[in-house]
Amino acid sequence: MRIGGIAMDLFVKPRKRENIDAHNAYILGSDFTSLVAACYLLRDGSLKGEHIHIIDSVDSFHHYESYLSFVDNRSLYLWDILRSIPSIETEGLTVLDEMIYLNHDAPMKTVHNIQLSDQLISELVHFFFTPDEQLEGKQVKDVFSQDFMESDFYYYWHALFPVNDAYSFKVTLHRYMHILTSHSMISPKYCMYESVIVPIIEYLDAHHVVFHFNTEVTHVEIEDDKATAFTIKSEGMEETIDLTNQDLLFIHTSQSKDSIVHAVVTTQDEKIIHYLRNILQKDPLSGEDITGGVIPINESAWELNWTIPRQPYYKNQKENECVILLHGLHPEKTGDYVEKSMLESKGYEICAEWLYHLGIPQNKINELSLMSASTVPYTHTNTHCEAHINGRNYAYIGEGVSLPYEYPGSLDYLVHTAMNAVYSLLHITRSIPAYRYSIEDYLSVFSSLYGDETFMESQSFTKRLVLKELLKRIEGSDLEALLKEYKFF
């Protein structure tokens, strides 16, 4: 496996491995990562579909429906696989074609106007270039002022990336800072399940990939860095499947940390839609992107945030029906209107809490939440990464896999873990995309503007004296290393 975004073999179909038809692949778990791993086994690994088995204790694919409805425009790993998945909407197009065309015609535009004072900008820039080792064991609140922690920027960023440790916060800034610019977010035509996951499932079905639902994996036997067998339980019967030297095993993994509650609010009531229209100064039913991502409610005890995706959100959505997505980052706390935690609340109570924070008159909240809207809550387990070590014939995939300097909460991350696992076990020589982080965007200008001459050399003698004094202040920092890399001096 090679990492290199500009290597020629990035665009080449990998060679078919000798004796690949003798291989079987077993994927334990049927979430999005598992589906993508099966796609890579088919497309780049040249495995036969009937030799790929996806095993899960669930009874269907509908547990995917709470995935976010947008991604950033630099999701290189996600784009890499979606370019091969045929659209189920338009013949001759891929899912990627469909998403790009849609967002060219009707791009997402943020409604947020996030501004920071000079002091808070200074804090953010200083943190941006703080060496990783200085952040070890620290929380975000340990390295920023209270003013920053209460700023619109922090509430917005934390709604998108709910991390509390300083290092992870820095990773999200380096990886995703570009999303604050216009047209950096991309949304599918419908919800992620219908626009992305269903086409992937149909692609796998068309290639005869075998799905084993209602089947629990109870044990995996690993000896001397090799998976030798695993045990499944279905309809009360246990069976042990022995693995041959040609068989591959992919293990979906995640580690519980805390819970985030999602809720989908659906309404046709003009009273609620009227309130939304006044708040956003947009028509939620226009068919355009409305909120351009999440809107955090800063004063919410649950840390509620909400978004209105492009309507219709579902293919079978009724006319004049509006779907709103809610997320609570602290569902264990007591609400501001509902006197219980979000985890304990029923759907209509979650809706009531949201309406309260929208400023709806309190004498109308209960009626609107009970009679005018349908609210379905989902609980999602947030995860942290561990250093799972792959073996000779098995590999880990999913949010629980540690990738250097990546945020595990994105679809792009999940695709990356699946791609790494398949390419590593099958020794696929095609390069995988090399991501360029937001931090590199403006620094790369130095090398392109000045060629062999450094930025420092291009300045006058007086300016060089001043710059040298400034450079002393960043000695030993990430900023110094990056400026050297991009020929600043």
Protein backbone atom coordinates (compact mmCIF):
# COMPACT_ATOMS: atom_id res chain seq x y z
CA MET A 1 0.00 0.00 0.00
CA ARG A 2 1.40 3.38 -1.02
CA ILE A 3 0.21 6.84 -0.02
CA GLY A 4 0.58 9.45 -2.73
CA GLY A 5 -2.03 11.76 -4.16
CA ILE A 6 -0.16 12.52 -7.40
CA ALA A 7 1.32 9.10 -8.19
CA MET A 8 0.34 7.78 -11.63
CA ASP A 9 -0.91 4.49 -10.23
CA LEU A 10 -3.51 6.40 -8.23
CA PHE A 11 -5.56 6.30 -11.45
CA VAL A 12 -4.73 2.75 -12.54
CA LYS A 13 -6.88 -0.33 -12.01
CA PRO A 14 -4.91 -2.61 -9.65
CA ARG A 15 -3.57 -5.85 -11.06
CA LYS A 16 -5.56 -8.95 -10.26
CA ARG A 17 -3.75 -10.93 -7.61
CA GLU A 18 -2.73 -14.48 -8.46
CA ASN A 19 -5.11 -17.10 -7.01
CA ILE A 20 -7.52 -14.36 -5.87
CA ASP A 21 -10.47 -16.60 -6.82
CA ALA A 22 -9.48 -18.93 -3.98
CA HIS A 23 -9.93 -16.16 -1.40
CA ASN A 24 -12.97 -15.67 0.81
CA ALA A 25 -13.53 -12.49 2.82
CA TYR A 26 -15.63 -12.31 5.99
CA ILE A 27 -16.66 -8.86 7.23
CA LEU A 28 -17.94 -8.84 10.81
CA GLY A 29 -20.49 -6.03 11.04
CA SER A 30 -22.69 -4.42 8.39
CA ASP A 31 -22.28 -0.70 8.99
CA PHE A 32 -21.20 1.82 6.35
CA THR A 33 -17.51 0.90 6.76
CA SER A 34 -18.24 -2.77 6.13
CA LEU A 35 -20.17 -1.99 2.95
CA VAL A 36 -17.29 0.12 1.68
CA ALA A 37 -14.76 -2.61 2.50
CA ALA A 38 -16.83 -5.00 0.37
CA CYS A 39 -16.79 -2.45 -2.47
CA TYR A 40 -12.99 -2.24 -2.36
CA LEU A 41 -12.70 -6.03 -2.26
CA LEU A 42 -14.80 -6.16 -5.43
CA ARG A 43 -13.36 -3.23 -7.36
CA ASP A 44 -9.68 -3.18 -6.43
CA GLY A 45 -9.22 -6.63 -4.92
CA SER A 46 -11.03 -8.47 -7.77
CA LEU A 47 -12.74 -10.86 -5.35
CA LYS A 48 -15.89 -12.57 -6.55
CA GLY A 49 -19.01 -11.21 -4.89
CA GLU A 50 -20.17 -14.63 -3.74
CA HIS A 51 -16.87 -14.98 -1.85
CA ILE A 52 -17.57 -11.86 0.24
CA HIS A 53 -19.69 -12.37 3.37
CA ILE A 54 -21.05 -9.54 5.54
CA ILE A 55 -22.23 -10.80 8.93
CA ASP A 56 -24.27 -8.84 11.48
CA SER A 57 -26.76 -9.38 14.30
CA VAL A 58 -29.13 -6.70 12.95
CA ASP A 59 -32.07 -7.62 10.74
CA SER A 60 -31.78 -4.89 8.09
CA PHE A 61 -29.79 -1.89 6.89
CA HIS A 62 -32.11 0.76 8.32
CA HIS A 63 -29.89 1.45 11.33
CA TYR A 64 -27.89 3.76 9.04
CA GLU A 65 -30.60 6.40 8.73
CA SER A 66 -29.22 8.81 11.34
CA TYR A 67 -26.01 9.57 9.45
CA LEU A 68 -25.34 13.26 8.77
CA SER A 69 -26.68 14.67 5.51
CA PHE A 70 -23.57 16.48 4.27
CA VAL A 71 -19.82 16.06 3.90
CA ASP A 72 -16.97 18.46 3.15
CA ASN A 73 -15.67 18.93 -0.38
CA ARG A 74 -12.31 17.32 0.41
CA SER A 75 -13.57 13.87 1.31
CA LEU A 76 -11.07 12.24 -1.04
CA TYR A 77 -11.54 8.69 0.22
CA LEU A 78 -15.32 8.91 0.03
CA TRP A 79 -15.14 10.32 -3.51
CA ASP A 80 -12.76 7.51 -4.50
CA ILE A 81 -15.36 4.84 -3.82
CA LEU A 82 -18.49 6.78 -4.85
CA ARG A 83 -17.04 7.32 -8.33
CA SER A 84 -17.58 3.57 -8.89
CA ILE A 85 -21.11 3.25 -7.47
CA PRO A 86 -23.83 3.57 -10.14
CA SER A 87 -26.60 6.05 -9.44
CA ILE A 88 -30.03 4.52 -8.91
CA GLU A 89 -31.63 7.83 -9.91
CA THR A 90 -29.98 8.61 -13.26
CA GLU A 91 -28.76 5.97 -15.70
CA GLY A 92 -25.17 6.44 -16.81
CA LEU A 93 -24.12 8.52 -13.78
CA THR A 94 -22.34 7.52 -10.60
CA VAL A 95 -23.33 8.59 -7.09
CA LEU A 96 -20.38 10.99 -7.15
CA ASP A 97 -21.49 12.50 -10.47
CA GLU A 98 -24.96 13.03 -9.05
CA MET A 99 -23.73 14.76 -5.89
CA ILE A 100 -21.27 17.02 -7.71
CA TYR A 101 -23.80 18.09 -10.37
CA LEU A 102 -26.41 18.83 -7.72
CA ASN A 103 -24.02 20.95 -5.67
CA HIS A 104 -22.75 22.81 -8.72
CA ASP A 105 -26.34 23.75 -9.56
CA ALA A 106 -27.46 24.47 -5.99
CA PRO A 107 -24.43 24.78 -3.68
CA MET A 108 -24.68 24.72 0.09
CA LYS A 109 -24.23 28.18 1.58
CA THR A 110 -23.65 28.76 5.26
CA VAL A 111 -26.01 31.13 7.06
CA HIS A 112 -23.49 31.70 9.85
CA ASN A 113 -21.57 34.92 10.22
CA ILE A 114 -18.95 33.88 12.75
CA GLN A 115 -16.72 36.71 13.92
CA LEU A 116 -13.92 36.67 16.47
CA SER A 117 -12.20 39.55 18.21
CA ASP A 118 -8.51 40.17 17.55
CA GLN A 119 -7.72 38.65 20.96
CA LEU A 120 -9.63 35.43 20.23
CA ILE A 121 -8.09 35.18 16.76
CA SER A 122 -4.69 35.49 18.41
CA GLU A 123 -5.58 32.63 20.79
CA LEU A 124 -6.74 30.46 17.92
CA VAL A 125 -3.65 31.10 15.79
CA HIS A 126 -1.34 30.41 18.73
CA PHE A 127 -3.15 27.15 19.45
CA PHE A 128 -3.15 26.22 15.75
CA PHE A 129 0.64 25.98 15.80
CA THR A 130 1.18 24.59 19.29
CA PRO A 131 3.32 21.40 19.19
CA ASP A 132 1.32 18.24 19.85
CA GLU A 133 3.39 17.21 22.86
CA GLN A 134 2.41 20.42 24.67
CA LEU A 135 -1.27 19.45 24.40
CA GLU A 136 -0.93 15.98 25.88
CA GLY A 137 -3.42 15.37 28.69
CA LYS A 138 -5.07 18.79 28.29
CA GLN A 139 -8.70 19.67 27.62
CA VAL A 140 -9.80 22.45 25.27
CA LYS A 141 -10.90 24.54 28.26
CA ASP A 142 -7.34 24.30 29.66
CA VAL A 143 -5.76 26.09 26.70
CA PHE A 144 -8.37 28.72 25.80
CA SER A 145 -9.88 31.66 27.65
CA GLN A 146 -13.46 31.63 28.91
CA ASP A 147 -14.32 34.22 26.24
CA PHE A 148 -13.22 31.80 23.53
CA MET A 149 -15.16 28.91 25.09
CA GLU A 150 -18.30 31.07 24.99
CA SER A 151 -17.73 32.36 21.45
CA ASP A 152 -19.98 31.60 18.49
CA PHE A 153 -17.01 30.01 16.74
CA TYR A 154 -16.44 27.48 19.51
CA TYR A 155 -20.13 26.55 19.80
CA TYR A 156 -20.35 26.07 16.04
CA TRP A 157 -17.14 24.04 15.83
CA HIS A 158 -18.02 21.90 18.82
CA ALA A 159 -21.43 21.16 17.29
CA LEU A 160 -19.68 19.82 14.19
CA PHE A 161 -16.83 18.08 16.02
CA PRO A 162 -17.81 17.17 19.60
CA VAL A 163 -14.32 16.63 21.02
CA ASN A 164 -13.11 17.92 24.37
CA ASP A 165 -9.41 17.07 24.47
CA ALA A 166 -7.06 19.72 23.09
CA TYR A 167 -5.15 17.45 20.71
CA SER A 168 -8.31 16.20 18.97
CA PHE A 169 -9.58 19.77 18.73
CA LYS A 170 -6.34 20.75 16.99
CA VAL A 171 -6.71 17.82 14.58
CA THR A 172 -10.19 18.97 13.55
CA LEU A 173 -8.92 22.51 12.94
CA HIS A 174 -6.04 21.31 10.78
CA ARG A 175 -8.28 18.94 8.84
CA TYR A 176 -11.47 20.97 8.44
CA MET A 177 -10.72 24.68 8.78
CA HIS A 178 -11.59 25.13 5.11
CA ILE A 179 -15.28 24.40 5.76
CA LEU A 180 -15.67 27.94 7.09
CA THR A 181 -15.27 29.15 3.52
CA SER A 182 -18.12 29.34 1.05
CA HIS A 183 -19.26 26.23 -0.86
CA SER A 184 -17.06 23.85 1.12
CA MET A 185 -19.89 21.53 2.18
CA ILE A 186 -21.66 19.09 -0.12
CA SER A 187 -25.02 17.42 0.40
CA PRO A 188 -26.68 14.56 -1.47
CA LYS A 189 -30.11 14.89 -3.08
CA TYR A 190 -31.84 12.98 -0.29
CA CYS A 191 -30.70 11.69 3.10
CA MET A 192 -27.35 9.91 3.20
CA TYR A 193 -29.08 6.55 3.56
CA GLU A 194 -31.14 6.87 0.39
CA SER A 195 -28.58 8.75 -1.71
CA VAL A 196 -25.39 6.89 -0.78
CA ILE A 197 -25.99 3.73 1.22
CA VAL A 198 -28.88 2.27 -0.81
CA PRO A 199 -26.91 2.57 -4.10
CA ILE A 200 -23.94 0.84 -2.42
CA ILE A 201 -26.20 -1.97 -1.21
CA GLU A 202 -27.64 -2.40 -4.71
CA TYR A 203 -24.11 -2.41 -6.17
CA LEU A 204 -23.10 -5.19 -3.76
CA ASP A 205 -26.31 -7.12 -4.47
CA ALA A 206 -25.67 -6.89 -8.20
CA HIS A 207 -22.26 -8.49 -7.62
CA HIS A 208 -23.78 -11.27 -5.46
CA VAL A 209 -22.17 -10.27 -2.16
CA VAL A 210 -23.66 -12.47 0.58
CA PHE A 211 -25.37 -10.82 3.59
CA HIS A 212 -25.97 -12.78 6.80
CA PHE A 213 -28.45 -10.89 9.00
CA ASN A 214 -29.64 -11.91 12.47
CA THR A 215 -26.25 -13.57 12.92
CA GLU A 216 -24.17 -12.74 15.97
CA VAL A 217 -20.40 -13.22 16.05
CA THR A 218 -19.61 -14.58 19.50
CA HIS A 219 -15.88 -15.33 19.25
CA VAL A 220 -12.84 -14.77 17.03
CA GLU A 221 -9.87 -17.11 17.41
CA ILE A 222 -6.47 -15.48 16.80
CA GLU A 223 -3.21 -17.42 17.12
CA ASP A 224 0.30 -16.26 16.27
CA ASP A 225 -0.87 -13.08 14.53
CA LYS A 226 -3.36 -15.01 12.40
CA ALA A 227 -7.14 -15.41 12.59
CA THR A 228 -7.91 -19.13 12.48
CA ALA A 229 -11.68 -19.29 13.11
CA PHE A 230 -14.73 -17.39 14.30
CA THR A 231 -18.00 -18.51 15.87
CA ILE A 232 -21.46 -17.29 14.88
CA LYS A 233 -24.88 -17.74 16.46
CA SER A 234 -28.08 -17.68 14.42
CA GLU A 235 -31.57 -18.85 15.37
CA GLY A 236 -30.19 -20.27 18.60
CA MET A 237 -27.59 -22.44 16.83
CA GLU A 238 -23.84 -21.90 17.06
CA GLU A 239 -21.41 -22.66 14.26
CA THR A 240 -17.63 -22.31 14.05
CA ILE A 241 -16.17 -21.28 10.69
CA ASP A 242 -12.54 -22.29 10.19
CA LEU A 243 -10.41 -19.94 8.10
CA THR A 244 -8.06 -21.25 5.42
CA ASN A 245 -4.73 -19.70 4.44
CA GLN A 246 -6.51 -17.78 1.65
CA ASP A 247 -9.33 -16.37 3.80
CA LEU A 248 -9.45 -12.78 5.03
CA LEU A 249 -11.23 -11.39 8.09
CA PHE A 250 -12.32 -7.77 8.60
CA ILE A 251 -13.43 -6.83 12.11
CA HIS A 252 -15.55 -3.75 12.67
CA THR A 253 -14.60 -2.10 15.93
CA SER A 254 -15.48 0.92 18.05
CA GLN A 255 -14.99 1.94 21.65
CA SER A 256 -17.84 3.43 23.69
CA LYS A 257 -17.17 6.85 25.14
CA ASP A 258 -20.42 8.77 25.44
CA SER A 259 -23.75 9.11 23.69
CA ILE A 260 -25.16 11.68 21.31
CA VAL A 261 -28.91 11.77 20.73
CA HIS A 262 -30.21 12.54 17.24
CA ALA A 263 -33.84 13.28 16.48
CA VAL A 264 -35.69 13.69 13.20
CA VAL A 265 -38.60 16.16 13.36
CA THR A 266 -41.17 15.96 10.56
CA THR A 267 -43.94 18.54 10.22
CA GLN A 268 -46.48 19.90 7.75
CA ASP A 269 -47.82 22.46 10.19
CA GLU A 270 -47.65 25.92 8.67
CA LYS A 271 -47.31 27.47 12.13
CA ILE A 272 -43.94 25.77 12.72
CA ILE A 273 -42.80 26.35 9.13
CA HIS A 274 -43.80 30.03 9.47
CA TYR A 275 -41.57 30.39 12.55
CA LEU A 276 -38.67 28.76 10.69
CA ARG A 277 -39.21 31.01 7.69
CA ASN A 278 -39.00 34.10 9.90
CA ILE A 279 -35.91 32.89 11.78
CA LEU A 280 -33.93 31.87 8.69
CA GLN A 281 -35.32 34.40 6.23
CA LYS A 282 -35.60 31.47 3.83
CA ASP A 283 -38.38 29.15 2.78
CA PRO A 284 -37.60 25.69 4.25
CA LEU A 285 -39.66 24.07 1.47
CA SER A 286 -37.87 25.82 -1.41
CA GLY A 287 -35.86 22.71 -2.37
CA GLU A 288 -32.59 24.58 -1.80
CA ASP A 289 -30.08 24.04 0.97
CA ILE A 290 -31.39 26.00 3.95
CA THR A 291 -29.00 26.13 6.91
CA GLY A 292 -25.66 25.30 5.27
CA GLY A 293 -24.75 22.92 8.08
CA VAL A 294 -25.59 22.92 11.76
CA ILE A 295 -26.95 25.81 13.82
CA PRO A 296 -25.81 25.50 17.46
CA ILE A 297 -28.02 26.72 20.31
CA ASN A 298 -25.39 28.23 22.58
CA GLU A 299 -27.54 28.47 25.71
CA SER A 300 -28.94 24.92 25.50
CA ALA A 301 -28.14 22.62 28.44
CA TRP A 302 -28.29 19.67 26.04
CA GLU A 303 -26.04 21.59 23.60
CA LEU A 304 -28.73 21.18 20.98
CA ASN A 305 -27.91 21.98 17.39
CA TRP A 306 -30.17 21.68 14.39
CA THR A 307 -30.16 21.75 10.63
CA ILE A 308 -32.69 21.78 7.82
CA PRO A 309 -31.31 19.81 4.89
CA ARG A 310 -32.40 20.20 1.30
CA GLN A 311 -36.07 19.20 0.97
CA PRO A 312 -37.40 16.65 0.26
CA TYR A 313 -35.07 14.77 2.60
CA TYR A 314 -36.71 11.41 1.84
CA LYS A 315 -37.84 10.15 -1.55
CA ASN A 316 -41.33 9.36 -0.28
CA GLN A 317 -41.66 12.60 1.70
CA LYS A 318 -45.10 14.20 1.53
CA GLU A 319 -45.68 17.48 -0.25
CA ASN A 320 -45.21 20.56 1.96
CA GLU A 321 -43.58 18.40 4.63
CA CYS A 322 -40.40 19.65 6.29
CA VAL A 323 -37.73 17.48 7.95
CA ILE A 324 -35.48 18.98 10.63
CA LEU A 325 -32.49 17.16 12.15
CA LEU A 326 -31.66 17.72 15.84
CA HIS A 327 -28.51 16.65 17.70
CA GLY A 328 -27.80 16.85 21.43
CA LEU A 329 -24.16 16.71 22.56
CA HIS A 330 -24.97 16.57 26.29
CA PRO A 331 -28.10 14.41 26.39
CA GLU A 332 -27.40 13.35 29.98
CA LYS A 333 -28.18 16.84 31.33
CA THR A 334 -31.59 18.17 32.36
CA GLY A 335 -33.24 20.29 29.67
CA ASP A 336 -34.05 23.99 29.92
CA TYR A 337 -37.76 23.48 29.17
CA VAL A 338 -38.17 19.73 29.60
CA GLU A 339 -37.30 18.79 33.17
CA LYS A 340 -35.47 15.58 32.31
CA SER A 341 -32.45 14.49 30.31
CA MET A 342 -32.56 14.10 26.55
CA LEU A 343 -31.81 10.39 26.96
CA GLU A 344 -34.98 10.03 29.05
CA SER A 345 -37.15 12.24 26.84
CA LYS A 346 -39.73 11.06 24.35
CA GLY A 347 -39.74 12.40 20.81
CA TYR A 348 -42.34 15.11 21.42
CA GLU A 349 -40.42 16.32 24.49
CA ILE A 350 -37.22 16.70 22.45
CA CYS A 351 -39.24 18.67 19.90
CA ALA A 352 -40.66 20.86 22.69
CA GLU A 353 -37.16 21.66 23.97
CA TRP A 354 -36.11 22.70 20.46
CA LEU A 355 -39.21 24.86 19.96
CA TYR A 356 -38.53 26.53 23.31
CA HIS A 357 -35.05 27.54 22.16
CA LEU A 358 -36.47 28.84 18.88
CA GLY A 359 -38.44 31.35 20.94
CA ILE A 360 -41.88 29.84 20.35
CA PRO A 361 -44.39 31.19 22.94
CA GLN A 362 -44.50 28.71 25.80
CA ASN A 363 -48.29 28.44 25.73
CA LYS A 364 -48.03 27.00 22.20
CA ILE A 365 -45.05 24.66 22.60
CA ASN A 366 -46.80 21.57 23.96
CA GLU A 367 -49.57 21.68 21.37
CA LEU A 368 -47.14 22.10 18.48
CA SER A 369 -44.75 19.38 19.66
CA LEU A 370 -47.55 16.89 20.36
CA MET A 371 -50.04 17.55 17.57
CA SER A 372 -48.11 19.23 14.76
CA ALA A 373 -44.82 17.34 14.52
CA SER A 374 -43.59 13.76 14.53
CA THR A 375 -40.22 13.36 16.28
CA VAL A 376 -38.17 10.15 16.21
CA PRO A 377 -35.07 10.01 18.46
CA TYR A 378 -31.94 7.90 17.83
CA THR A 379 -29.06 7.33 20.23
CA HIS A 380 -25.58 7.16 18.72
CA THR A 381 -22.51 6.03 20.64
CA ASN A 382 -19.58 8.37 20.17
CA THR A 383 -16.20 6.66 20.00
CA HIS A 384 -12.51 7.12 20.51
CA CYS A 385 -9.68 5.38 18.70
CA GLU A 386 -7.41 2.63 19.88
CA ALA A 387 -4.27 1.25 18.32
CA HIS A 388 -5.71 -1.97 16.91
CA ILE A 389 -2.90 -3.90 15.24
CA ASN A 390 -3.73 -5.78 12.05
CA GLY A 391 -2.59 -9.38 11.63
CA ARG A 392 -1.47 -11.47 8.69
CA ASN A 393 -4.98 -12.25 7.48
CA TYR A 394 -7.20 -9.95 9.53
CA ALA A 395 -7.66 -6.20 9.84
CA TYR A 396 -9.78 -3.79 11.84
CA ILE A 397 -12.12 -1.25 10.27
CA GLY A 398 -14.43 1.48 11.58
CA GLU A 399 -14.37 4.34 14.06
CA GLY A 400 -12.35 2.40 16.62
CA VAL A 401 -9.31 2.25 14.32
CA SER A 402 -6.58 4.79 14.92
CA LEU A 403 -5.42 6.77 11.89
CA PRO A 404 -2.73 9.40 12.38
CA TYR A 405 -4.01 12.96 12.53
CA GLU A 406 -7.56 12.16 11.46
CA TYR A 407 -10.97 12.80 13.05
CA PRO A 408 -12.90 9.52 13.45
CA GLY A 409 -16.39 11.02 13.25
CA SER A 410 -16.55 11.52 9.47
CA LEU A 411 -17.65 9.28 6.61
CA ASP A 412 -14.30 9.97 4.94
CA TYR A 413 -12.51 8.50 7.95
CA LEU A 414 -14.62 5.33 7.79
CA VAL A 415 -13.84 4.88 4.09
CA HIS A 416 -10.15 5.46 4.82
CA THR A 417 -10.07 2.65 7.41
CA ALA A 418 -11.79 0.24 4.98
CA MET A 419 -9.43 1.15 2.14
CA ASN A 420 -6.35 0.75 4.35
CA ALA A 421 -7.51 -2.66 5.57
CA VAL A 422 -8.28 -4.08 2.11
CA TYR A 423 -5.15 -2.69 0.51
CA SER A 424 -2.92 -3.94 3.34
CA LEU A 425 -4.22 -7.52 3.40
CA LEU A 426 -4.28 -7.92 -0.39
CA HIS A 427 -1.04 -5.95 -0.94
CA ILE A 428 -2.71 -3.75 -3.53
CA THR A 429 -0.11 -1.52 -5.17
CA ARG A 430 -2.40 1.29 -6.31
CA SER A 431 -1.69 4.45 -4.32
CA ILE A 432 -4.31 5.75 -1.94
CA PRO A 433 -5.14 9.47 -1.89
CA ALA A 434 -2.79 11.64 0.16
CA TYR A 435 -4.90 14.23 1.93
CA ARG A 436 -3.71 17.84 2.11
CA TYR A 437 -4.85 19.46 5.33
CA SER A 438 -6.36 22.93 5.63
CA ILE A 439 -3.21 24.10 7.40
CA GLU A 440 -1.19 23.62 4.21
CA ASP A 441 -3.36 25.70 1.89
CA TYR A 442 -1.83 29.10 2.47
CA LEU A 443 1.68 27.86 3.30
CA SER A 444 2.01 26.15 -0.08
CA VAL A 445 1.77 29.62 -1.65
CA PHE A 446 5.34 30.31 -0.52
CA SER A 447 6.90 27.58 -2.64
CA SER A 448 4.79 28.39 -5.72
CA LEU A 449 5.33 32.17 -5.55
CA TYR A 450 9.04 32.28 -4.96
CA GLY A 451 10.35 29.14 -6.68
CA ASP A 452 13.94 28.45 -5.65
CA GLU A 453 14.17 31.77 -3.81
CA THR A 454 12.75 31.71 -0.29
CA PHE A 455 10.26 34.29 0.96
CA MET A 456 12.91 35.59 3.37
CA GLU A 457 15.45 36.10 0.58
CA SER A 458 12.94 38.07 -1.47
CA GLN A 459 12.58 40.75 1.22
CA SER A 460 14.63 43.88 1.78
CA PHE A 461 17.48 43.93 4.30
CA THR A 462 15.38 45.86 6.86
CA LYS A 463 12.43 43.47 6.57
CA ARG A 464 14.75 40.49 6.96
CA LEU A 465 16.01 41.87 10.28
CA VAL A 466 12.44 42.23 11.55
CA LEU A 467 11.45 38.77 10.30
CA LYS A 468 14.45 37.16 11.99
CA GLU A 469 13.32 38.62 15.31
CA LEU A 470 9.82 37.25 14.75
CA LEU A 471 11.21 33.82 13.87
CA LYS A 472 12.96 33.63 17.23
CA ARG A 473 9.52 33.70 18.88
CA ILE A 474 8.31 30.59 17.03
CA GLU A 475 11.48 28.54 17.40
CA GLY A 476 10.67 24.88 18.02
CA SER A 477 6.99 25.21 17.07
CA ASP A 478 4.97 23.51 14.34
CA LEU A 479 4.83 26.87 12.57
CA GLU A 480 8.63 27.01 12.30
CA ALA A 481 8.71 23.48 10.83
CA LEU A 482 6.01 24.30 8.28
CA LEU A 483 7.63 27.57 7.23
CA LYS A 484 10.87 25.71 6.63
CA GLU A 485 9.06 23.05 4.61
CA TYR A 486 7.50 25.69 2.38
CA LYS A 487 10.74 27.64 1.86
CA PHE A 488 9.88 30.62 4.00
CA PHE A 489 13.52 30.83 5.03
